Each structure stands twice: as C-alpha cells, then as structure tokens.
C-alpha atoms as a PDB file:
ATOM      1  CA  MET A   1      -7.778   0.815  16.251  1.00  0.00           C
ATOM      2  CA  GLN A   2      -4.275  -0.318  17.121  1.00  0.00           C
ATOM      3  CA  GLN A   3      -3.936  -4.057  17.677  1.00  0.00           C
ATOM      4  CA  GLY A   4      -0.989  -3.456  19.990  1.00  0.00           C
ATOM      5  CA  PRO A   5       2.227  -1.481  20.578  1.00  0.00           C
ATOM      6  CA  HIS A   6       3.853  -3.247  17.625  1.00  0.00           C
ATOM      7  CA  VAL A   7       1.131  -1.953  15.303  1.00  0.00           C
ATOM      8  CA  GLN A   8       1.682   1.698  14.496  1.00  0.00           C
ATOM      9  CA  PRO A   9      -0.434   3.874  12.169  1.00  0.00           C
ATOM     10  CA  ARG A  10       2.489   4.520   9.824  1.00  0.00           C
ATOM     11  CA  GLN A  11       3.410   0.835   9.835  1.00  0.00           C
ATOM     12  CA  ALA A  12      -0.107   0.021   8.672  1.00  0.00           C
ATOM     13  CA  LYS A  13       0.537   2.141   5.597  1.00  0.00           C
ATOM     14  CA  ALA A  14       3.870   0.412   5.062  1.00  0.00           C
ATOM     15  CA  TRP A  15       2.562  -3.140   4.689  1.00  0.00           C
ATOM     16  CA  ARG A  16      -0.583  -2.155   2.797  1.00  0.00           C
ATOM     17  CA  PRO A  17      -0.588   1.228   1.074  1.00  0.00           C
ATOM     18  CA  PRO A  18      -3.858   2.132  -0.723  1.00  0.00           C
ATOM     19  CA  HIS A  19      -2.151   2.720  -4.087  1.00  0.00           C
ATOM     20  CA  GLN A  20      -0.125  -0.508  -3.927  1.00  0.00           C
ATOM     21  CA  GLY A  21      -3.101  -2.807  -3.548  1.00  0.00           C
ATOM     22  CA  PRO A  22      -4.088  -5.801  -5.748  1.00  0.00           C
ATOM     23  CA  ALA A  23      -4.585  -3.400  -8.673  1.00  0.00           C
ATOM     24  CA  ALA A  24      -0.913  -2.446  -8.554  1.00  0.00           C
ATOM     25  CA  ARG A  25       0.001  -6.080  -9.233  1.00  0.00           C
ATOM     26  CA  HIS A  26      -1.689  -5.972 -12.623  1.00  0.00           C
ATOM     27  CA  PRO A  27       0.684  -5.110 -15.494  1.00  0.00           C
ATOM     28  CA  SER A  28      -2.023  -2.914 -16.987  1.00  0.00           C
ATOM     29  CA  ASN A  29      -2.185  -0.784 -13.860  1.00  0.00           C
ATOM     30  CA  LYS A  30       1.562  -0.866 -13.311  1.00  0.00           C
ATOM     31  CA  GLN A  31       2.001   1.874 -15.898  1.00  0.00           C
ATOM     32  CA  LEU A  32      -0.515   3.944 -13.924  1.00  0.00           C
ATOM     33  CA  VAL A  33       1.364   3.385 -10.679  1.00  0.00           C
ATOM     34  CA  ALA A  34       4.774   4.173 -12.167  1.00  0.00           C
ATOM     35  CA  PRO A  35       4.191   7.941 -12.608  1.00  0.00           C
ATOM     36  CA  ALA A  36       2.300   8.040  -9.322  1.00  0.00           C
ATOM     37  CA  THR A  37       5.288   6.745  -7.393  1.00  0.00           C
END
C-alpha cells in the first residue's frame, strides 16, 4: 500500500489522522475533539 520509500505508515497518520478529518474543522465538533486530544 506504500506509494514509495518516502511514504511510511506512520507518516500517513500524520498528514491525515482519522479524528482530525473535515469534521474536526467544524467549530461544533471542535469541542468534541478538544477532550479527545
């Protein structure tokens, strides 16, 4: 699944974590993400 040596599994989580998706950008969901982080 790696696109190349520069793409590592842990790097994939760094640029797009599941809990910091588009929903995290919403102010309404920001309060839900705050305690989670």
